[in-house]
Amino acid sequence: MDELRSFEEHDVDWEMTPEAAVTLYLEWGNNCWLGDFKPVRHRSDSTTYFVVSTWEPEPKLMLIHRTCDEAKELAVLPLPAHLREHFMQDVGFNKGIYPPTPEIKDWLRTQMHN
């Protein structure tokens, strides 16, 4: 997990969810209808956030940098075994892209800043 240390200088938005990112950056739903996220005002606006992908048999953590034009995967790594079972139970063993749980966020912060 040394790879995560190289991203410690990125300003990770720990509250960004996959749904909110799509609303803000792809659907141009860039308003403050809930006030949870700052609206996108310029094409140069961006956010960096983590998601968990369960589309493949082994869940993956992905660090995404999203703009209005693209979503770039900055890092892709396996979800550690000690976090996997509980997470998969939480999402009903369904396939999809999910925000990390508080437990996963805590683990990620530890890995990034060790």
PDB file of N, CA and C in Angstrom:
ATOM      1  N   MET A   1       0.805  -1.194   0.000  1.00  0.00           N
ATOM      2  CA  MET A   1       0.000   0.000   0.000  1.00  0.00           C
ATOM      3  C   MET A   1       0.854   1.266   0.000  1.00  0.00           C
ATOM      4  N   ASP A   2       2.135   1.110  -0.253  1.00  0.00           N
ATOM      5  CA  ASP A   2       3.018   2.271  -0.354  1.00  0.00           C
ATOM      6  C   ASP A   2       2.545   3.229  -1.435  1.00  0.00           C
ATOM      7  N   GLU A   3       1.838   2.692  -2.422  1.00  0.00           N
ATOM      8  CA  GLU A   3       1.349   3.516  -3.522  1.00  0.00           C
ATOM      9  C   GLU A   3       0.492   4.677  -3.010  1.00  0.00           C
ATOM     10  N   LEU A   4      -0.255   4.465  -1.950  1.00  0.00           N
ATOM     11  CA  LEU A   4      -1.137   5.507  -1.430  1.00  0.00           C
ATOM     12  C   LEU A   4      -0.362   6.683  -0.844  1.00  0.00           C
ATOM     13  N   ARG A   5       0.802   6.443  -0.318  1.00  0.00           N
ATOM     14  CA  ARG A   5       1.597   7.536   0.249  1.00  0.00           C
ATOM     15  C   ARG A   5       1.941   8.587  -0.798  1.00  0.00           C
ATOM     16  N   SER A   6       2.052   8.161  -2.045  1.00  0.00           N
ATOM     17  CA  SER A   6       2.390   9.120  -3.101  1.00  0.00           C
ATOM     18  C   SER A   6       1.234  10.081  -3.402  1.00  0.00           C
ATOM     19  N   PHE A   7       0.053   9.806  -2.855  1.00  0.00           N
ATOM     20  CA  PHE A   7      -1.108  10.671  -3.090  1.00  0.00           C
ATOM     21  C   PHE A   7      -1.491  11.504  -1.871  1.00  0.00           C
ATOM     22  N   GLU A   8      -0.653  11.497  -0.837  1.00  0.00           N
ATOM     23  CA  GLU A   8      -1.013  12.206   0.391  1.00  0.00           C
ATOM     24  C   GLU A   8      -1.133  13.713   0.193  1.00  0.00           C
ATOM     25  N   GLU A   9      -0.513  14.257  -0.845  1.00  0.00           N
ATOM     26  CA  GLU A   9      -0.593  15.696  -1.089  1.00  0.00           C
ATOM     27  C   GLU A   9      -1.858  16.087  -1.852  1.00  0.00           C
ATOM     28  N   HIS A  10      -2.591  15.112  -2.365  1.00  0.00           N
ATOM     29  CA  HIS A  10      -3.843  15.413  -3.055  1.00  0.00           C
ATOM     30  C   HIS A  10      -4.888  15.832  -2.026  1.00  0.00           C
ATOM     31  N   ASP A  11      -5.717  16.748  -2.429  1.00  0.00           N
ATOM     32  CA  ASP A  11      -6.799  17.212  -1.568  1.00  0.00           C
ATOM     33  C   ASP A  11      -7.998  16.294  -1.785  1.00  0.00           C
ATOM     34  N   VAL A  12      -8.031  15.187  -1.051  1.00  0.00           N
ATOM     35  CA  VAL A  12      -9.098  14.204  -1.206  1.00  0.00           C
ATOM     36  C   VAL A  12     -10.368  14.726  -0.560  1.00  0.00           C
ATOM     37  N   ASP A  13     -11.461  14.680  -1.301  1.00  0.00           N
ATOM     38  CA  ASP A  13     -12.768  15.032  -0.756  1.00  0.00           C
ATOM     39  C   ASP A  13     -13.357  13.752  -0.168  1.00  0.00           C
ATOM     40  N   TRP A  14     -13.266  13.604   1.131  1.00  0.00           N
ATOM     41  CA  TRP A  14     -13.682  12.378   1.814  1.00  0.00           C
ATOM     42  C   TRP A  14     -15.191  12.221   1.857  1.00  0.00           C
ATOM     43  N   GLU A  15     -15.931  13.267   1.550  1.00  0.00           N
ATOM     44  CA  GLU A  15     -17.396  13.189   1.576  1.00  0.00           C
ATOM     45  C   GLU A  15     -18.011  12.993   0.195  1.00  0.00           C
ATOM     46  N   MET A  16     -17.228  13.148  -0.855  1.00  0.00           N
ATOM     47  CA  MET A  16     -17.751  12.995  -2.216  1.00  0.00           C
ATOM     48  C   MET A  16     -18.173  11.544  -2.438  1.00  0.00           C
ATOM     49  N   THR A  17     -19.330  11.390  -3.055  1.00  0.00           N
ATOM     50  CA  THR A  17     -19.853  10.065  -3.395  1.00  0.00           C
ATOM     51  C   THR A  17     -19.887   9.929  -4.918  1.00  0.00           C
ATOM     52  N   PRO A  18     -19.943   8.707  -5.413  1.00  0.00           N
ATOM     53  CA  PRO A  18     -20.033   8.542  -6.867  1.00  0.00           C
ATOM     54  C   PRO A  18     -21.259   9.244  -7.456  1.00  0.00           C
ATOM     55  N   GLU A  19     -22.397   9.187  -6.760  1.00  0.00           N
ATOM     56  CA  GLU A  19     -23.617   9.816  -7.264  1.00  0.00           C
ATOM     57  C   GLU A  19     -23.477  11.330  -7.326  1.00  0.00           C
ATOM     58  N   ALA A  20     -22.902  11.918  -6.280  1.00  0.00           N
ATOM     59  CA  ALA A  20     -22.727  13.374  -6.260  1.00  0.00           C
ATOM     60  C   ALA A  20     -21.751  13.817  -7.341  1.00  0.00           C
ATOM     61  N   ALA A  21     -20.700  13.042  -7.576  1.00  0.00           N
ATOM     62  CA  ALA A  21     -19.728  13.396  -8.615  1.00  0.00           C
ATOM     63  C   ALA A  21     -20.381  13.401  -9.990  1.00  0.00           C
ATOM     64  N   VAL A  22     -21.224  12.419 -10.263  1.00  0.00           N
ATOM     65  CA  VAL A  22     -21.919  12.378 -11.555  1.00  0.00           C
ATOM     66  C   VAL A  22     -22.858  13.573 -11.676  1.00  0.00           C
ATOM     67  N   THR A  23     -23.595  13.865 -10.624  1.00  0.00           N
ATOM     68  CA  THR A  23     -24.514  15.002 -10.652  1.00  0.00           C
ATOM     69  C   THR A  23     -23.770  16.305 -10.913  1.00  0.00           C
ATOM     70  N   LEU A  24     -22.679  16.505 -10.205  1.00  0.00           N
ATOM     71  CA  LEU A  24     -21.943  17.764 -10.314  1.00  0.00           C
ATOM     72  C   LEU A  24     -21.176  17.907 -11.615  1.00  0.00           C
ATOM     73  N   TYR A  25     -20.538  16.844 -12.068  1.00  0.00           N
ATOM     74  CA  TYR A  25     -19.604  16.972 -13.174  1.00  0.00           C
ATOM     75  C   TYR A  25     -20.112  16.456 -14.513  1.00  0.00           C
ATOM     76  N   LEU A  26     -21.007  15.496 -14.522  1.00  0.00           N
ATOM     77  CA  LEU A  26     -21.455  14.939 -15.796  1.00  0.00           C
ATOM     78  C   LEU A  26     -22.834  15.417 -16.209  1.00  0.00           C
ATOM     79  N   GLU A  27     -23.707  15.571 -15.255  1.00  0.00           N
ATOM     80  CA  GLU A  27     -25.070  15.991 -15.580  1.00  0.00           C
ATOM     81  C   GLU A  27     -25.228  17.494 -15.467  1.00  0.00           C
ATOM     82  N   TRP A  28     -24.159  18.163 -15.142  1.00  0.00           N
ATOM     83  CA  TRP A  28     -24.178  19.609 -14.932  1.00  0.00           C
ATOM     84  C   TRP A  28     -25.302  20.016 -13.993  1.00  0.00           C
ATOM     85  N   GLY A  29     -25.544  19.140 -13.053  1.00  0.00           N
ATOM     86  CA  GLY A  29     -26.483  19.474 -11.995  1.00  0.00           C
ATOM     87  C   GLY A  29     -25.739  20.238 -10.932  1.00  0.00           C
ATOM     88  N   ASN A  30     -24.941  21.173 -11.386  1.00  0.00           N
ATOM     89  CA  ASN A  30     -24.012  21.855 -10.476  1.00  0.00           C
ATOM     90  C   ASN A  30     -24.691  22.976  -9.705  1.00  0.00           C
ATOM     91  N   ASN A  31     -25.677  22.593  -8.944  1.00  0.00           N
ATOM     92  CA  ASN A  31     -26.321  23.566  -8.071  1.00  0.00           C
ATOM     93  C   ASN A  31     -26.190  23.094  -6.637  1.00  0.00           C
ATOM     94  N   CYS A  32     -26.530  23.937  -5.740  1.00  0.00           N
ATOM     95  CA  CYS A  32     -26.416  23.612  -4.312  1.00  0.00           C
ATOM     96  C   CYS A  32     -27.750  23.159  -3.748  1.00  0.00           C
ATOM     97  N   TRP A  33     -28.474  22.339  -4.471  1.00  0.00           N
ATOM     98  CA  TRP A  33     -29.825  21.995  -4.021  1.00  0.00           C
ATOM     99  C   TRP A  33     -29.839  21.391  -2.628  1.00  0.00           C
ATOM    100  N   LEU A  34     -28.785  20.723  -2.221  1.00  0.00           N
ATOM    101  CA  LEU A  34     -28.685  20.244  -0.846  1.00  0.00           C
ATOM    102  C   LEU A  34     -27.625  20.997  -0.051  1.00  0.00           C
ATOM    103  N   GLY A  35     -26.791  21.719  -0.753  1.00  0.00           N
ATOM    104  CA  GLY A  35     -25.727  22.446  -0.092  1.00  0.00           C
ATOM    105  C   GLY A  35     -24.603  21.569   0.413  1.00  0.00           C
ATOM    106  N   ASP A  36     -24.571  20.296  -0.007  1.00  0.00           N
ATOM    107  CA  ASP A  36     -23.528  19.390   0.462  1.00  0.00           C
ATOM    108  C   ASP A  36     -22.185  19.633  -0.215  1.00  0.00           C
ATOM    109  N   PHE A  37     -22.216  20.083  -1.467  1.00  0.00           N
ATOM    110  CA  PHE A  37     -20.991  20.262  -2.232  1.00  0.00           C
ATOM    111  C   PHE A  37     -20.996  21.619  -2.918  1.00  0.00           C
ATOM    112  N   LYS A  38     -19.808  22.169  -3.033  1.00  0.00           N
ATOM    113  CA  LYS A  38     -19.635  23.439  -3.728  1.00  0.00           C
ATOM    114  C   LYS A  38     -20.004  23.239  -5.200  1.00  0.00           C
ATOM    115  N   PRO A  39     -20.798  24.122  -5.793  1.00  0.00           N
ATOM    116  CA  PRO A  39     -21.184  23.935  -7.198  1.00  0.00           C
ATOM    117  C   PRO A  39     -19.996  24.075  -8.151  1.00  0.00           C
ATOM    118  N   VAL A  40     -20.074  23.369  -9.247  1.00  0.00           N
ATOM    119  CA  VAL A  40     -19.064  23.471 -10.301  1.00  0.00           C
ATOM    120  C   VAL A  40     -19.354  24.743 -11.082  1.00  0.00           C
ATOM    121  N   ARG A  41     -18.362  25.616 -11.174  1.00  0.00           N
ATOM    122  CA  ARG A  41     -18.558  26.895 -11.863  1.00  0.00           C
ATOM    123  C   ARG A  41     -17.708  27.014 -13.124  1.00  0.00           C
ATOM    124  N   HIS A  42     -16.643  26.231 -13.191  1.00  0.00           N
ATOM    125  CA  HIS A  42     -15.709  26.339 -14.318  1.00  0.00           C
ATOM    126  C   HIS A  42     -15.291  24.956 -14.786  1.00  0.00           C
ATOM    127  N   ARG A  43     -14.912  24.875 -16.043  1.00  0.00           N
ATOM    128  CA  ARG A  43     -14.428  23.593 -16.580  1.00  0.00           C
ATOM    129  C   ARG A  43     -13.174  23.131 -15.844  1.00  0.00           C
ATOM    130  N   SER A  44     -12.461  24.044 -15.241  1.00  0.00           N
ATOM    131  CA  SER A  44     -11.233  23.684 -14.532  1.00  0.00           C
ATOM    132  C   SER A  44     -11.490  23.146 -13.120  1.00  0.00           C
ATOM    133  N   ASP A  45     -12.726  23.234 -12.633  1.00  0.00           N
ATOM    134  CA  ASP A  45     -13.039  22.692 -11.309  1.00  0.00           C
ATOM    135  C   ASP A  45     -12.854  21.181 -11.321  1.00  0.00           C
ATOM    136  N   SER A  46     -12.428  20.651 -10.186  1.00  0.00           N
ATOM    137  CA  SER A  46     -12.200  19.213 -10.106  1.00  0.00           C
ATOM    138  C   SER A  46     -12.370  18.733  -8.672  1.00  0.00           C
ATOM    139  N   THR A  47     -12.432  17.428  -8.523  1.00  0.00           N
ATOM    140  CA  THR A  47     -12.460  16.814  -7.209  1.00  0.00           C
ATOM    141  C   THR A  47     -11.720  15.485  -7.279  1.00  0.00           C
ATOM    142  N   THR A  48     -11.141  15.103  -6.155  1.00  0.00           N
ATOM    143  CA  THR A  48     -10.443  13.831  -6.029  1.00  0.00           C
ATOM    144  C   THR A  48     -11.090  13.077  -4.880  1.00  0.00           C
ATOM    145  N   TYR A  49     -11.473  11.832  -5.134  1.00  0.00           N
ATOM    146  CA  TYR A  49     -12.221  11.069  -4.135  1.00  0.00           C
ATOM    147  C   TYR A  49     -12.009   9.575  -4.347  1.00  0.00           C
ATOM    148  N   PHE A  50     -12.322   8.797  -3.332  1.00  0.00           N
ATOM    149  CA  PHE A  50     -12.215   7.346  -3.399  1.00  0.00           C
ATOM    150  C   PHE A  50     -13.578   6.715  -3.644  1.00  0.00           C
ATOM    151  N   VAL A  51     -13.566   5.602  -4.357  1.00  0.00           N
ATOM    152  CA  VAL A  51     -14.749   4.753  -4.519  1.00  0.00           C
ATOM    153  C   VAL A  51     -14.310   3.310  -4.319  1.00  0.00           C
ATOM    154  N   VAL A  52     -15.305   2.449  -4.103  1.00  0.00           N
ATOM    155  CA  VAL A  52     -15.065   1.016  -4.052  1.00  0.00           C
ATOM    156  C   VAL A  52     -15.856   0.398  -5.196  1.00  0.00           C
ATOM    157  N   SER A  53     -15.166  -0.330  -6.054  1.00  0.00           N
ATOM    158  CA  SER A  53     -15.810  -1.014  -7.172  1.00  0.00           C
ATOM    159  C   SER A  53     -15.961  -2.491  -6.828  1.00  0.00           C
ATOM    160  N   THR A  54     -17.180  -2.988  -7.001  1.00  0.00           N
ATOM    161  CA  THR A  54     -17.436  -4.408  -6.749  1.00  0.00           C
ATOM    162  C   THR A  54     -17.849  -5.124  -8.038  1.00  0.00           C
ATOM    163  N   TRP A  55     -17.506  -4.559  -9.184  1.00  0.00           N
ATOM    164  CA  TRP A  55     -17.882  -5.155 -10.462  1.00  0.00           C
ATOM    165  C   TRP A  55     -17.126  -6.439 -10.745  1.00  0.00           C
ATOM    166  N   GLU A  56     -15.942  -6.573 -10.199  1.00  0.00           N
ATOM    167  CA  GLU A  56     -15.153  -7.779 -10.394  1.00  0.00           C
ATOM    168  C   GLU A  56     -15.235  -8.634  -9.130  1.00  0.00           C
ATOM    169  N   PRO A  57     -14.859  -9.898  -9.211  1.00  0.00           N
ATOM    170  CA  PRO A  57     -14.969 -10.774  -8.036  1.00  0.00           C
ATOM    171  C   PRO A  57     -14.264 -10.235  -6.793  1.00  0.00           C
ATOM    172  N   GLU A  58     -13.126  -9.569  -6.974  1.00  0.00           N
ATOM    173  CA  GLU A  58     -12.413  -8.965  -5.844  1.00  0.00           C
ATOM    174  C   GLU A  58     -12.647  -7.462  -5.842  1.00  0.00           C
ATOM    175  N   PRO A  59     -13.254  -6.905  -4.791  1.00  0.00           N
ATOM    176  CA  PRO A  59     -13.508  -5.457  -4.728  1.00  0.00           C
ATOM    177  C   PRO A  59     -12.205  -4.655  -4.807  1.00  0.00           C
ATOM    178  N   LYS A  60     -12.303  -3.484  -5.448  1.00  0.00           N
ATOM    179  CA  LYS A  60     -11.142  -2.616  -5.625  1.00  0.00           C
ATOM    180  C   LYS A  60     -11.423  -1.238  -5.059  1.00  0.00           C
ATOM    181  N   LEU A  61     -10.388  -0.641  -4.497  1.00  0.00           N
ATOM    182  CA  LEU A  61     -10.412   0.767  -4.123  1.00  0.00           C
ATOM    183  C   LEU A  61      -9.850   1.554  -5.290  1.00  0.00           C
ATOM    184  N   MET A  62     -10.504   2.661  -5.604  1.00  0.00           N
ATOM    185  CA  MET A  62     -10.046   3.490  -6.711  1.00  0.00           C
ATOM    186  C   MET A  62     -10.010   4.946  -6.255  1.00  0.00           C
ATOM    187  N   LEU A  63      -8.903   5.600  -6.533  1.00  0.00           N
ATOM    188  CA  LEU A  63      -8.780   7.036  -6.297  1.00  0.00           C
ATOM    189  C   LEU A  63      -9.050   7.713  -7.637  1.00  0.00           C
ATOM    190  N   ILE A  64     -10.096   8.528  -7.677  1.00  0.00           N
ATOM    191  CA  ILE A  64     -10.569   9.152  -8.911  1.00  0.00           C
ATOM    192  C   ILE A  64     -10.332  10.654  -8.850  1.00  0.00           C
ATOM    193  N   HIS A  65      -9.863  11.209  -9.959  1.00  0.00           N
ATOM    194  CA  HIS A  65      -9.789  12.668 -10.125  1.00  0.00           C
ATOM    195  C   HIS A  65     -10.770  13.015 -11.243  1.00  0.00           C
ATOM    196  N   ARG A  66     -11.835  13.756 -10.905  1.00  0.00           N
ATOM    197  CA  ARG A  66     -12.899  14.031 -11.869  1.00  0.00           C
ATOM    198  C   ARG A  66     -12.970  15.502 -12.194  1.00  0.00           C
ATOM    199  N   THR A  67     -13.141  15.760 -13.499  1.00  0.00           N
ATOM    200  CA  THR A  67     -13.440  17.096 -14.013  1.00  0.00           C
ATOM    201  C   THR A  67     -14.704  16.966 -14.860  1.00  0.00           C
ATOM    202  N   CYS A  68     -15.113  18.044 -15.458  1.00  0.00           N
ATOM    203  CA  CYS A  68     -16.275  17.991 -16.349  1.00  0.00           C
ATOM    204  C   CYS A  68     -15.983  17.173 -17.597  1.00  0.00           C
ATOM    205  N   ASP A  69     -14.714  17.035 -17.949  1.00  0.00           N
ATOM    206  CA  ASP A  69     -14.335  16.358 -19.180  1.00  0.00           C
ATOM    207  C   ASP A  69     -13.953  14.897 -19.007  1.00  0.00           C
ATOM    208  N   GLU A  70     -13.484  14.520 -17.817  1.00  0.00           N
ATOM    209  CA  GLU A  70     -13.026  13.141 -17.653  1.00  0.00           C
ATOM    210  C   GLU A  70     -12.954  12.729 -16.190  1.00  0.00           C
ATOM    211  N   ALA A  71     -12.881  11.432 -16.009  1.00  0.00           N
ATOM    212  CA  ALA A  71     -12.596  10.842 -14.710  1.00  0.00           C
ATOM    213  C   ALA A  71     -11.337  10.008 -14.895  1.00  0.00           C
ATOM    214  N   LYS A  72     -10.305  10.366 -14.160  1.00  0.00           N
ATOM    215  CA  LYS A  72      -9.022   9.688 -14.296  1.00  0.00           C
ATOM    216  C   LYS A  72      -8.777   8.848 -13.044  1.00  0.00           C
ATOM    217  N   GLU A  73      -8.450   7.583 -13.241  1.00  0.00           N
ATOM    218  CA  GLU A  73      -8.097   6.707 -12.129  1.00  0.00           C
ATOM    219  C   GLU A  73      -6.645   6.968 -11.757  1.00  0.00           C
ATOM    220  N   LEU A  74      -6.439   7.527 -10.585  1.00  0.00           N
ATOM    221  CA  LEU A  74      -5.084   7.819 -10.131  1.00  0.00           C
ATOM    222  C   LEU A  74      -4.439   6.601  -9.482  1.00  0.00           C
ATOM    223  N   ALA A  75      -5.264   5.777  -8.849  1.00  0.00           N
ATOM    224  CA  ALA A  75      -4.772   4.561  -8.197  1.00  0.00           C
ATOM    225  C   ALA A  75      -5.895   3.537  -8.162  1.00  0.00           C
ATOM    226  N   VAL A  76      -5.516   2.276  -8.352  1.00  0.00           N
ATOM    227  CA  VAL A  76      -6.456   1.162  -8.247  1.00  0.00           C
ATOM    228  C   VAL A  76      -5.753   0.076  -7.446  1.00  0.00           C
ATOM    229  N   LEU A  77      -6.365  -0.332  -6.337  1.00  0.00           N
ATOM    230  CA  LEU A  77      -5.760  -1.369  -5.513  1.00  0.00           C
ATOM    231  C   LEU A  77      -6.834  -2.244  -4.889  1.00  0.00           C
ATOM    232  N   PRO A  78      -6.467  -3.444  -4.506  1.00  0.00           N
ATOM    233  CA  PRO A  78      -7.460  -4.346  -3.926  1.00  0.00           C
ATOM    234  C   PRO A  78      -7.947  -3.836  -2.576  1.00  0.00           C
ATOM    235  N   LEU A  79      -9.198  -4.095  -2.285  1.00  0.00           N
ATOM    236  CA  LEU A  79      -9.731  -3.804  -0.957  1.00  0.00           C
ATOM    237  C   LEU A  79      -9.159  -4.857  -0.014  1.00  0.00           C
ATOM    238  N   PRO A  80      -8.464  -4.448   1.038  1.00  0.00           N
ATOM    239  CA  PRO A  80      -7.842  -5.419   1.933  1.00  0.00           C
ATOM    240  C   PRO A  80      -8.864  -6.398   2.520  1.00  0.00           C
ATOM    241  N   ALA A  81      -8.400  -7.621   2.716  1.00  0.00           N
ATOM    242  CA  ALA A  81      -9.267  -8.708   3.195  1.00  0.00           C
ATOM    243  C   ALA A  81      -9.971  -8.352   4.501  1.00  0.00           C
ATOM    244  N   HIS A  82      -9.286  -7.665   5.415  1.00  0.00           N
ATOM    245  CA  HIS A  82      -9.904  -7.370   6.707  1.00  0.00           C
ATOM    246  C   HIS A  82     -11.052  -6.365   6.591  1.00  0.00           C
ATOM    247  N   LEU A  83     -11.190  -5.677   5.463  1.00  0.00           N
ATOM    248  CA  LEU A  83     -12.288  -4.736   5.237  1.00  0.00           C
ATOM    249  C   LEU A  83     -13.348  -5.294   4.280  1.00  0.00           C
ATOM    250  N   ARG A  84     -12.979  -6.291   3.527  1.00  0.00           N
ATOM    251  CA  ARG A  84     -13.796  -6.790   2.424  1.00  0.00           C
ATOM    252  C   ARG A  84     -15.135  -7.389   2.866  1.00  0.00           C
ATOM    253  N   GLU A  85     -15.126  -8.320   3.784  1.00  0.00           N
ATOM    254  CA  GLU A  85     -16.352  -9.041   4.144  1.00  0.00           C
ATOM    255  C   GLU A  85     -17.429  -8.098   4.686  1.00  0.00           C
ATOM    256  N   HIS A  86     -17.041  -7.229   5.613  1.00  0.00           N
ATOM    257  CA  HIS A  86     -18.015  -6.300   6.186  1.00  0.00           C
ATOM    258  C   HIS A  86     -18.569  -5.356   5.121  1.00  0.00           C
ATOM    259  N   PHE A  87     -17.696  -4.855   4.250  1.00  0.00           N
ATOM    260  CA  PHE A  87     -18.150  -3.956   3.188  1.00  0.00           C
ATOM    261  C   PHE A  87     -19.141  -4.667   2.265  1.00  0.00           C
ATOM    262  N   MET A  88     -18.788  -5.867   1.838  1.00  0.00           N
ATOM    263  CA  MET A  88     -19.661  -6.603   0.914  1.00  0.00           C
ATOM    264  C   MET A  88     -21.011  -6.907   1.562  1.00  0.00           C
ATOM    265  N   GLN A  89     -21.016  -7.197   2.848  1.00  0.00           N
ATOM    266  CA  GLN A  89     -22.291  -7.380   3.556  1.00  0.00           C
ATOM    267  C   GLN A  89     -23.095  -6.086   3.536  1.00  0.00           C
ATOM    268  N   ASP A  90     -22.426  -4.949   3.771  1.00  0.00           N
ATOM    269  CA  ASP A  90     -23.103  -3.645   3.788  1.00  0.00           C
ATOM    270  C   ASP A  90     -23.784  -3.323   2.459  1.00  0.00           C
ATOM    271  N   VAL A  91     -23.179  -3.751   1.348  1.00  0.00           N
ATOM    272  CA  VAL A  91     -23.757  -3.446   0.029  1.00  0.00           C
ATOM    273  C   VAL A  91     -24.572  -4.618  -0.514  1.00  0.00           C
ATOM    274  N   GLY A  92     -24.858  -5.586   0.341  1.00  0.00           N
ATOM    275  CA  GLY A  92     -25.704  -6.702  -0.058  1.00  0.00           C
ATOM    276  C   GLY A  92     -25.065  -7.602  -1.109  1.00  0.00           C
ATOM    277  N   PHE A  93     -23.740  -7.610  -1.162  1.00  0.00           N
ATOM    278  CA  PHE A  93     -22.991  -8.410  -2.140  1.00  0.00           C
ATOM    279  C   PHE A  93     -23.372  -8.053  -3.579  1.00  0.00           C
ATOM    280  N   ASN A  94     -23.844  -6.819  -3.785  1.00  0.00           N
ATOM    281  CA  ASN A  94     -24.224  -6.352  -5.122  1.00  0.00           C
ATOM    282  C   ASN A  94     -23.025  -5.782  -5.856  1.00  0.00           C
ATOM    283  N   LYS A  95     -23.119  -5.787  -7.174  1.00  0.00           N
ATOM    284  CA  LYS A  95     -22.087  -5.179  -8.010  1.00  0.00           C
ATOM    285  C   LYS A  95     -22.400  -3.695  -8.174  1.00  0.00           C
ATOM    286  N   GLY A  96     -21.347  -2.879  -8.195  1.00  0.00           N
ATOM    287  CA  GLY A  96     -21.553  -1.449  -8.377  1.00  0.00           C
ATOM    288  C   GLY A  96     -20.337  -0.649  -7.970  1.00  0.00           C
ATOM    289  N   ILE A  97     -20.537   0.658  -7.940  1.00  0.00           N
ATOM    290  CA  ILE A  97     -19.513   1.608  -7.487  1.00  0.00           C
ATOM    291  C   ILE A  97     -20.094   2.298  -6.261  1.00  0.00           C
ATOM    292  N   TYR A  98     -19.372   2.237  -5.159  1.00  0.00           N
ATOM    293  CA  TYR A  98     -19.879   2.720  -3.881  1.00  0.00           C
ATOM    294  C   TYR A  98     -18.884   3.666  -3.211  1.00  0.00           C
ATOM    295  N   PRO A  99     -19.391   4.546  -2.346  1.00  0.00           N
ATOM    296  CA  PRO A  99     -18.461   5.347  -1.538  1.00  0.00           C
ATOM    297  C   PRO A  99     -17.848   4.451  -0.466  1.00  0.00           C
ATOM    298  N   PRO A 100     -16.646   4.753  -0.042  1.00  0.00           N
ATOM    299  CA  PRO A 100     -16.050   3.962   1.040  1.00  0.00           C
ATOM    300  C   PRO A 100     -16.783   4.199   2.356  1.00  0.00           C
ATOM    301  N   THR A 101     -16.832   3.180   3.173  1.00  0.00           N
ATOM    302  CA  THR A 101     -17.435   3.289   4.502  1.00  0.00           C
ATOM    303  C   THR A 101     -16.504   4.079   5.416  1.00  0.00           C
ATOM    304  N   PRO A 102     -16.993   4.546   6.556  1.00  0.00           N
ATOM    305  CA  PRO A 102     -16.103   5.236   7.506  1.00  0.00           C
ATOM    306  C   PRO A 102     -14.893   4.378   7.892  1.00  0.00           C
ATOM    307  N   GLU A 103     -15.086   3.090   8.046  1.00  0.00           N
ATOM    308  CA  GLU A 103     -13.988   2.185   8.386  1.00  0.00           C
ATOM    309  C   GLU A 103     -12.919   2.179   7.279  1.00  0.00           C
ATOM    310  N   ILE A 104     -13.356   2.142   6.038  1.00  0.00           N
ATOM    311  CA  ILE A 104     -12.416   2.160   4.911  1.00  0.00           C
ATOM    312  C   ILE A 104     -11.724   3.517   4.817  1.00  0.00           C
ATOM    313  N   LYS A 105     -12.472   4.602   5.024  1.00  0.00           N
ATOM    314  CA  LYS A 105     -11.864   5.940   4.996  1.00  0.00           C
ATOM    315  C   LYS A 105     -10.777   6.067   6.051  1.00  0.00           C
ATOM    316  N   ASP A 106     -11.040   5.568   7.247  1.00  0.00           N
ATOM    317  CA  ASP A 106     -10.025   5.623   8.309  1.00  0.00           C
ATOM    318  C   ASP A 106      -8.777   4.857   7.899  1.00  0.00           C
ATOM    319  N   TRP A 107      -8.964   3.673   7.323  1.00  0.00           N
ATOM    320  CA  TRP A 107      -7.833   2.865   6.876  1.00  0.00           C
ATOM    321  C   TRP A 107      -7.049   3.601   5.780  1.00  0.00           C
ATOM    322  N   LEU A 108      -7.778   4.195   4.817  1.00  0.00           N
ATOM    323  CA  LEU A 108      -7.125   4.928   3.727  1.00  0.00           C
ATOM    324  C   LEU A 108      -6.306   6.098   4.263  1.00  0.00           C
ATOM    325  N   ARG A 109      -6.869   6.862   5.185  1.00  0.00           N
ATOM    326  CA  ARG A 109      -6.133   8.003   5.753  1.00  0.00           C
ATOM    327  C   ARG A 109      -4.839   7.523   6.422  1.00  0.00           C
ATOM    328  N   THR A 110      -4.940   6.413   7.150  1.00  0.00           N
ATOM    329  CA  THR A 110      -3.759   5.854   7.818  1.00  0.00           C
ATOM    330  C   THR A 110      -2.706   5.469   6.790  1.00  0.00           C
ATOM    331  N   GLN A 111      -3.122   4.831   5.704  1.00  0.00           N
ATOM    332  CA  GLN A 111      -2.187   4.388   4.676  1.00  0.00           C
ATOM    333  C   GLN A 111      -1.549   5.569   3.953  1.00  0.00           C
ATOM    334  N   MET A 112      -2.317   6.610   3.727  1.00  0.00           N
ATOM    335  CA  MET A 112      -1.814   7.764   2.983  1.00  0.00           C
ATOM    336  C   MET A 112      -0.829   8.599   3.812  1.00  0.00           C
ATOM    337  N   HIS A 113      -0.987   8.591   5.120  1.00  0.00           N
ATOM    338  CA  HIS A 113      -0.212   9.503   5.950  1.00  0.00           C
ATOM    339  C   HIS A 113       0.779   8.802   6.861  1.00  0.00           C
ATOM    340  N   ASN A 114       1.072   7.529   6.608  1.00  0.00           N
ATOM    341  CA  ASN A 114       2.088   6.806   7.397  1.00  0.00           C
ATOM    342  C   ASN A 114       3.454   7.024   6.804  1.00  0.00           C
TER     343      ASN A 114
END
